[in-house]
Amino acid sequence: MSTAFVLIKAEPGCERDVYLSLLNIDSISETHVAYGEYDLVARIDFDDEKEMARTLIGSMRSIPGVIKTETLIAVEV
């Protein structure tokens, strides 16, 4: 299983709605509100890149209020 952390910028005033929508996506194991350039951080656990792409592009980016995402894929060193 692989992990990615997704940084999410939301429209002002939509942060709570985006947060609540993220809680309904099965492959997201953690969701946090953050201060700074990005408003939320979500952790995705996935078995393959297609599953990650479906979650990121098909589910997360289509949430109303999401302006921008940045995906950080975790690796072992």
PDB file of N, CA and C in Angstrom:
ATOM      1  N   MET A   1       0.850  -1.180   0.000  1.00  0.00           N
ATOM      2  CA  MET A   1       0.000   0.000   0.000  1.00  0.00           C
ATOM      3  C   MET A   1       0.890   1.235   0.000  1.00  0.00           C
ATOM      4  N   SER A   2       0.480   2.260  -0.733  1.00  0.00           N
ATOM      5  CA  SER A   2       1.209   3.512  -0.817  1.00  0.00           C
ATOM      6  C   SER A   2       0.393   4.631  -0.184  1.00  0.00           C
ATOM      7  N   THR A   3       1.084   5.718   0.110  1.00  0.00           N
ATOM      8  CA  THR A   3       0.448   6.856   0.773  1.00  0.00           C
ATOM      9  C   THR A   3       0.798   8.143   0.041  1.00  0.00           C
ATOM     10  N   ALA A   4      -0.167   9.036  -0.029  1.00  0.00           N
ATOM     11  CA  ALA A   4       0.071  10.378  -0.557  1.00  0.00           C
ATOM     12  C   ALA A   4      -0.605  11.379   0.372  1.00  0.00           C
ATOM     13  N   PHE A   5       0.010  12.540   0.473  1.00  0.00           N
ATOM     14  CA  PHE A   5      -0.576  13.632   1.225  1.00  0.00           C
ATOM     15  C   PHE A   5      -0.980  14.696   0.212  1.00  0.00           C
ATOM     16  N   VAL A   6      -2.217  15.153   0.306  1.00  0.00           N
ATOM     17  CA  VAL A   6      -2.734  16.126  -0.645  1.00  0.00           C
ATOM     18  C   VAL A   6      -2.990  17.434   0.087  1.00  0.00           C
ATOM     19  N   LEU A   7      -2.335  18.491  -0.381  1.00  0.00           N
ATOM     20  CA  LEU A   7      -2.538  19.835   0.150  1.00  0.00           C
ATOM     21  C   LEU A   7      -3.646  20.472  -0.670  1.00  0.00           C
ATOM     22  N   ILE A   8      -4.622  21.065  -0.003  1.00  0.00           N
ATOM     23  CA  ILE A   8      -5.813  21.563  -0.684  1.00  0.00           C
ATOM     24  C   ILE A   8      -6.039  23.033  -0.351  1.00  0.00           C
ATOM     25  N   LYS A   9      -6.206  23.825  -1.391  1.00  0.00           N
ATOM     26  CA  LYS A   9      -6.576  25.237  -1.228  1.00  0.00           C
ATOM     27  C   LYS A   9      -8.064  25.334  -1.550  1.00  0.00           C
ATOM     28  N   ALA A  10      -8.828  25.922  -0.638  1.00  0.00           N
ATOM     29  CA  ALA A  10     -10.274  26.048  -0.806  1.00  0.00           C
ATOM     30  C   ALA A  10     -10.659  27.507  -0.988  1.00  0.00           C
ATOM     31  N   GLU A  11     -11.805  27.713  -1.618  1.00  0.00           N
ATOM     32  CA  GLU A  11     -12.346  29.071  -1.730  1.00  0.00           C
ATOM     33  C   GLU A  11     -12.620  29.601  -0.324  1.00  0.00           C
ATOM     34  N   PRO A  12     -12.359  30.882  -0.080  1.00  0.00           N
ATOM     35  CA  PRO A  12     -12.640  31.449   1.234  1.00  0.00           C
ATOM     36  C   PRO A  12     -14.097  31.207   1.638  1.00  0.00           C
ATOM     37  N   GLY A  13     -14.271  30.733   2.855  1.00  0.00           N
ATOM     38  CA  GLY A  13     -15.603  30.445   3.374  1.00  0.00           C
ATOM     39  C   GLY A  13     -16.105  29.044   3.069  1.00  0.00           C
ATOM     40  N   CYS A  14     -15.390  28.302   2.226  1.00  0.00           N
ATOM     41  CA  CYS A  14     -15.817  26.947   1.850  1.00  0.00           C
ATOM     42  C   CYS A  14     -15.006  25.853   2.547  1.00  0.00           C
ATOM     43  N   GLU A  15     -14.082  26.234   3.407  1.00  0.00           N
ATOM     44  CA  GLU A  15     -13.186  25.255   4.018  1.00  0.00           C
ATOM     45  C   GLU A  15     -13.947  24.153   4.757  1.00  0.00           C
ATOM     46  N   ARG A  16     -14.952  24.511   5.520  1.00  0.00           N
ATOM     47  CA  ARG A  16     -15.710  23.508   6.285  1.00  0.00           C
ATOM     48  C   ARG A  16     -16.452  22.551   5.362  1.00  0.00           C
ATOM     49  N   ASP A  17     -17.063  23.081   4.314  1.00  0.00           N
ATOM     50  CA  ASP A  17     -17.789  22.225   3.374  1.00  0.00           C
ATOM     51  C   ASP A  17     -16.851  21.260   2.665  1.00  0.00           C
ATOM     52  N   VAL A  18     -15.678  21.741   2.276  1.00  0.00           N
ATOM     53  CA  VAL A  18     -14.692  20.870   1.632  1.00  0.00           C
ATOM     54  C   VAL A  18     -14.239  19.804   2.618  1.00  0.00           C
ATOM     55  N   TYR A  19     -13.948  20.202   3.836  1.00  0.00           N
ATOM     56  CA  TYR A  19     -13.532  19.266   4.885  1.00  0.00           C
ATOM     57  C   TYR A  19     -14.568  18.150   5.065  1.00  0.00           C
ATOM     58  N   LEU A  20     -15.826  18.526   5.188  1.00  0.00           N
ATOM     59  CA  LEU A  20     -16.887  17.530   5.387  1.00  0.00           C
ATOM     60  C   LEU A  20     -17.034  16.615   4.176  1.00  0.00           C
ATOM     61  N   SER A  21     -16.835  17.140   2.976  1.00  0.00           N
ATOM     62  CA  SER A  21     -16.896  16.311   1.769  1.00  0.00           C
ATOM     63  C   SER A  21     -15.753  15.305   1.730  1.00  0.00           C
ATOM     64  N   LEU A  22     -14.572  15.729   2.169  1.00  0.00           N
ATOM     65  CA  LEU A  22     -13.419  14.823   2.184  1.00  0.00           C
ATOM     66  C   LEU A  22     -13.644  13.643   3.115  1.00  0.00           C
ATOM     67  N   LEU A  23     -14.374  13.848   4.200  1.00  0.00           N
ATOM     68  CA  LEU A  23     -14.637  12.768   5.155  1.00  0.00           C
ATOM     69  C   LEU A  23     -15.444  11.632   4.536  1.00  0.00           C
ATOM     70  N   ASN A  24     -16.139  11.898   3.441  1.00  0.00           N
ATOM     71  CA  ASN A  24     -16.975  10.883   2.796  1.00  0.00           C
ATOM     72  C   ASN A  24     -16.252  10.072   1.731  1.00  0.00           C
ATOM     73  N   ILE A  25     -14.972  10.328   1.500  1.00  0.00           N
ATOM     74  CA  ILE A  25     -14.216   9.599   0.484  1.00  0.00           C
ATOM     75  C   ILE A  25     -13.466   8.456   1.166  1.00  0.00           C
ATOM     76  N   ASP A  26     -13.766   7.219   0.759  1.00  0.00           N
ATOM     77  CA  ASP A  26     -13.248   6.036   1.445  1.00  0.00           C
ATOM     78  C   ASP A  26     -11.729   5.947   1.512  1.00  0.00           C
ATOM     79  N   SER A  27     -11.040   6.291   0.441  1.00  0.00           N
ATOM     80  CA  SER A  27      -9.587   6.106   0.435  1.00  0.00           C
ATOM     81  C   SER A  27      -8.828   7.197   1.197  1.00  0.00           C
ATOM     82  N   ILE A  28      -9.542   8.195   1.709  1.00  0.00           N
ATOM     83  CA  ILE A  28      -8.899   9.219   2.537  1.00  0.00           C
ATOM     84  C   ILE A  28      -8.939   8.749   3.984  1.00  0.00           C
ATOM     85  N   SER A  29      -7.739   8.552   4.551  1.00  0.00           N
ATOM     86  CA  SER A  29      -7.668   8.022   5.914  1.00  0.00           C
ATOM     87  C   SER A  29      -7.543   9.124   6.972  1.00  0.00           C
ATOM     88  N   GLU A  30      -7.095  10.314   6.578  1.00  0.00           N
ATOM     89  CA  GLU A  30      -6.989  11.440   7.509  1.00  0.00           C
ATOM     90  C   GLU A  30      -7.293  12.734   6.776  1.00  0.00           C
ATOM     91  N   THR A  31      -7.911  13.665   7.476  1.00  0.00           N
ATOM     92  CA  THR A  31      -8.166  14.995   6.930  1.00  0.00           C
ATOM     93  C   THR A  31      -7.939  16.006   8.051  1.00  0.00           C
ATOM     94  N   HIS A  32      -7.185  17.059   7.743  1.00  0.00           N
ATOM     95  CA  HIS A  32      -6.877  18.071   8.749  1.00  0.00           C
ATOM     96  C   HIS A  32      -7.026  19.463   8.152  1.00  0.00           C
ATOM     97  N   VAL A  33      -7.474  20.399   8.968  1.00  0.00           N
ATOM     98  CA  VAL A  33      -7.493  21.806   8.586  1.00  0.00           C
ATOM     99  C   VAL A  33      -6.121  22.367   8.939  1.00  0.00           C
ATOM    100  N   ALA A  34      -5.589  23.230   8.072  1.00  0.00           N
ATOM    101  CA  ALA A  34      -4.252  23.779   8.297  1.00  0.00           C
ATOM    102  C   ALA A  34      -4.265  25.289   8.077  1.00  0.00           C
ATOM    103  N   TYR A  35      -3.283  25.958   8.630  1.00  0.00           N
ATOM    104  CA  TYR A  35      -3.085  27.382   8.392  1.00  0.00           C
ATOM    105  C   TYR A  35      -1.914  27.532   7.437  1.00  0.00           C
ATOM    106  N   GLY A  36      -1.960  28.534   6.607  1.00  0.00           N
ATOM    107  CA  GLY A  36      -0.873  28.776   5.675  1.00  0.00           C
ATOM    108  C   GLY A  36      -1.407  28.872   4.259  1.00  0.00           C
ATOM    109  N   GLU A  37      -0.540  28.571   3.298  1.00  0.00           N
ATOM    110  CA  GLU A  37      -0.928  28.671   1.887  1.00  0.00           C
ATOM    111  C   GLU A  37      -2.060  27.706   1.542  1.00  0.00           C
ATOM    112  N   TYR A  38      -2.072  26.538   2.166  1.00  0.00           N
ATOM    113  CA  TYR A  38      -3.121  25.553   1.924  1.00  0.00           C
ATOM    114  C   TYR A  38      -4.032  25.484   3.140  1.00  0.00           C
ATOM    115  N   ASP A  39      -5.289  25.147   2.890  1.00  0.00           N
ATOM    116  CA  ASP A  39      -6.295  25.161   3.948  1.00  0.00           C
ATOM    117  C   ASP A  39      -6.536  23.800   4.584  1.00  0.00           C
ATOM    118  N   LEU A  40      -6.294  22.742   3.817  1.00  0.00           N
ATOM    119  CA  LEU A  40      -6.552  21.388   4.309  1.00  0.00           C
ATOM    120  C   LEU A  40      -5.440  20.450   3.855  1.00  0.00           C
ATOM    121  N   VAL A  41      -5.269  19.369   4.619  1.00  0.00           N
ATOM    122  CA  VAL A  41      -4.335  18.307   4.254  1.00  0.00           C
ATOM    123  C   VAL A  41      -5.088  16.995   4.383  1.00  0.00           C
ATOM    124  N   ALA A  42      -5.008  16.168   3.342  1.00  0.00           N
ATOM    125  CA  ALA A  42      -5.670  14.864   3.371  1.00  0.00           C
ATOM    126  C   ALA A  42      -4.641  13.777   3.087  1.00  0.00           C
ATOM    127  N   ARG A  43      -4.781  12.666   3.754  1.00  0.00           N
ATOM    128  CA  ARG A  43      -3.913  11.506   3.516  1.00  0.00           C
ATOM    129  C   ARG A  43      -4.703  10.472   2.734  1.00  0.00           C
ATOM    130  N   ILE A  44      -4.130  10.023   1.621  1.00  0.00           N
ATOM    131  CA  ILE A  44      -4.749   8.983   0.803  1.00  0.00           C
ATOM    132  C   ILE A  44      -3.896   7.724   0.913  1.00  0.00           C
ATOM    133  N   ASP A  45      -4.527   6.599   1.166  1.00  0.00           N
ATOM    134  CA  ASP A  45      -3.858   5.299   1.110  1.00  0.00           C
ATOM    135  C   ASP A  45      -4.405   4.576  -0.107  1.00  0.00           C
ATOM    136  N   PHE A  46      -3.508   4.086  -0.961  1.00  0.00           N
ATOM    137  CA  PHE A  46      -3.955   3.474  -2.212  1.00  0.00           C
ATOM    138  C   PHE A  46      -3.071   2.295  -2.577  1.00  0.00           C
ATOM    139  N   ASP A  47      -3.649   1.374  -3.370  1.00  0.00           N
ATOM    140  CA  ASP A  47      -2.934   0.175  -3.809  1.00  0.00           C
ATOM    141  C   ASP A  47      -2.181   0.397  -5.110  1.00  0.00           C
ATOM    142  N   ASP A  48      -2.685   1.245  -5.977  1.00  0.00           N
ATOM    143  CA  ASP A  48      -2.007   1.498  -7.249  1.00  0.00           C
ATOM    144  C   ASP A  48      -2.286   2.933  -7.694  1.00  0.00           C
ATOM    145  N   GLU A  49      -1.539   3.370  -8.710  1.00  0.00           N
ATOM    146  CA  GLU A  49      -1.647   4.753  -9.168  1.00  0.00           C
ATOM    147  C   GLU A  49      -3.008   5.074  -9.753  1.00  0.00           C
ATOM    148  N   LYS A  50      -3.668   4.090 -10.351  1.00  0.00           N
ATOM    149  CA  LYS A  50      -5.007   4.339 -10.910  1.00  0.00           C
ATOM    150  C   LYS A  50      -5.989   4.689  -9.800  1.00  0.00           C
ATOM    151  N   GLU A  51      -5.887   3.981  -8.680  1.00  0.00           N
ATOM    152  CA  GLU A  51      -6.773   4.274  -7.551  1.00  0.00           C
ATOM    153  C   GLU A  51      -6.499   5.678  -7.013  1.00  0.00           C
ATOM    154  N   MET A  52      -5.214   6.052  -6.934  1.00  0.00           N
ATOM    155  CA  MET A  52      -4.868   7.390  -6.472  1.00  0.00           C
ATOM    156  C   MET A  52      -5.429   8.438  -7.420  1.00  0.00           C
ATOM    157  N   ALA A  53      -5.277   8.221  -8.722  1.00  0.00           N
ATOM    158  CA  ALA A  53      -5.778   9.179  -9.712  1.00  0.00           C
ATOM    159  C   ALA A  53      -7.294   9.309  -9.639  1.00  0.00           C
ATOM    160  N   ARG A  54      -7.992   8.185  -9.474  1.00  0.00           N
ATOM    161  CA  ARG A  54      -9.458   8.242  -9.352  1.00  0.00           C
ATOM    162  C   ARG A  54      -9.866   9.070  -8.136  1.00  0.00           C
ATOM    163  N   THR A  55      -9.163   8.865  -7.032  1.00  0.00           N
ATOM    164  CA  THR A  55      -9.501   9.617  -5.819  1.00  0.00           C
ATOM    165  C   THR A  55      -9.179  11.093  -5.996  1.00  0.00           C
ATOM    166  N   LEU A  56      -7.997  11.374  -6.493  1.00  0.00           N
ATOM    167  CA  LEU A  56      -7.561  12.760  -6.609  1.00  0.00           C
ATOM    168  C   LEU A  56      -8.353  13.520  -7.666  1.00  0.00           C
ATOM    169  N   ILE A  57      -8.404  12.986  -8.874  1.00  0.00           N
ATOM    170  CA  ILE A  57      -9.039  13.697  -9.981  1.00  0.00           C
ATOM    171  C   ILE A  57     -10.558  13.519  -9.963  1.00  0.00           C
ATOM    172  N   GLY A  58     -11.002  12.299  -9.758  1.00  0.00           N
ATOM    173  CA  GLY A  58     -12.429  12.029  -9.823  1.00  0.00           C
ATOM    174  C   GLY A  58     -13.212  12.486  -8.618  1.00  0.00           C
ATOM    175  N   SER A  59     -12.602  12.411  -7.438  1.00  0.00           N
ATOM    176  CA  SER A  59     -13.346  12.738  -6.223  1.00  0.00           C
ATOM    177  C   SER A  59     -12.944  14.078  -5.612  1.00  0.00           C
ATOM    178  N   MET A  60     -11.662  14.234  -5.316  1.00  0.00           N
ATOM    179  CA  MET A  60     -11.233  15.414  -4.561  1.00  0.00           C
ATOM    180  C   MET A  60     -11.332  16.708  -5.363  1.00  0.00           C
ATOM    181  N   ARG A  61     -10.852  16.705  -6.572  1.00  0.00           N
ATOM    182  CA  ARG A  61     -10.845  17.951  -7.362  1.00  0.00           C
ATOM    183  C   ARG A  61     -12.237  18.361  -7.823  1.00  0.00           C
ATOM    184  N   SER A  62     -13.186  17.436  -7.755  1.00  0.00           N
ATOM    185  CA  SER A  62     -14.545  17.781  -8.171  1.00  0.00           C
ATOM    186  C   SER A  62     -15.401  18.311  -7.019  1.00  0.00           C
ATOM    187  N   ILE A  63     -14.833  18.389  -5.828  1.00  0.00           N
ATOM    188  CA  ILE A  63     -15.578  18.920  -4.684  1.00  0.00           C
ATOM    189  C   ILE A  63     -15.762  20.429  -4.887  1.00  0.00           C
ATOM    190  N   PRO A  64     -16.991  20.911  -4.797  1.00  0.00           N
ATOM    191  CA  PRO A  64     -17.208  22.360  -4.916  1.00  0.00           C
ATOM    192  C   PRO A  64     -16.410  23.105  -3.856  1.00  0.00           C
ATOM    193  N   GLY A  65     -15.707  24.149  -4.271  1.00  0.00           N
ATOM    194  CA  GLY A  65     -14.917  24.943  -3.347  1.00  0.00           C
ATOM    195  C   GLY A  65     -13.427  24.637  -3.379  1.00  0.00           C
ATOM    196  N   VAL A  66     -13.032  23.529  -4.026  1.00  0.00           N
ATOM    197  CA  VAL A  66     -11.610  23.213  -4.144  1.00  0.00           C
ATOM    198  C   VAL A  66     -11.033  24.037  -5.284  1.00  0.00           C
ATOM    199  N   ILE A  67     -10.018  24.839  -4.978  1.00  0.00           N
ATOM    200  CA  ILE A  67      -9.368  25.689  -5.968  1.00  0.00           C
ATOM    201  C   ILE A  67      -8.134  25.013  -6.538  1.00  0.00           C
ATOM    202  N   LYS A  68      -7.347  24.383  -5.661  1.00  0.00           N
ATOM    203  CA  LYS A  68      -6.045  23.858  -6.062  1.00  0.00           C
ATOM    204  C   LYS A  68      -5.662  22.705  -5.156  1.00  0.00           C
ATOM    205  N   THR A  69      -4.964  21.719  -5.721  1.00  0.00           N
ATOM    206  CA  THR A  69      -4.399  20.641  -4.913  1.00  0.00           C
ATOM    207  C   THR A  69      -2.934  20.465  -5.282  1.00  0.00           C
ATOM    208  N   GLU A  70      -2.171  19.985  -4.324  1.00  0.00           N
ATOM    209  CA  GLU A  70      -0.790  19.597  -4.563  1.00  0.00           C
ATOM    210  C   GLU A  70      -0.586  18.253  -3.886  1.00  0.00           C
ATOM    211  N   THR A  71      -0.118  17.275  -4.644  1.00  0.00           N
ATOM    212  CA  THR A  71       0.001  15.916  -4.154  1.00  0.00           C
ATOM    213  C   THR A  71       1.458  15.590  -3.858  1.00  0.00           C
ATOM    214  N   LEU A  72       1.693  15.081  -2.654  1.00  0.00           N
ATOM    215  CA  LEU A  72       3.023  14.662  -2.220  1.00  0.00           C
ATOM    216  C   LEU A  72       2.963  13.156  -1.972  1.00  0.00           C
ATOM    217  N   ILE A  73       3.637  12.374  -2.812  1.00  0.00           N
ATOM    218  CA  ILE A  73       3.624  10.918  -2.673  1.00  0.00           C
ATOM    219  C   ILE A  73       4.740  10.512  -1.736  1.00  0.00           C
ATOM    220  N   ALA A  74       4.400   9.777  -0.696  1.00  0.00           N
ATOM    221  CA  ALA A  74       5.385   9.339   0.298  1.00  0.00           C
ATOM    222  C   ALA A  74       6.200   8.185  -0.266  1.00  0.00           C
ATOM    223  N   VAL A  75       7.505   8.193   0.037  1.00  0.00           N
ATOM    224  CA  VAL A  75       8.408   7.122  -0.389  1.00  0.00           C
ATOM    225  C   VAL A  75       9.272   6.702   0.795  1.00  0.00           C
ATOM    226  N   GLU A  76       9.795   5.493   0.700  1.00  0.00           N
ATOM    227  CA  GLU A  76      10.718   5.022   1.732  1.00  0.00           C
ATOM    228  C   GLU A  76      12.133   5.299   1.273  1.00  0.00           C
ATOM    229  N   VAL A  77      13.015   5.669   2.221  1.00  0.00           N
ATOM    230  CA  VAL A  77      14.419   5.919   1.874  1.00  0.00           C
ATOM    231  C   VAL A  77      15.323   5.018   2.686  1.00  0.00           C
TER     232      VAL A  77
END
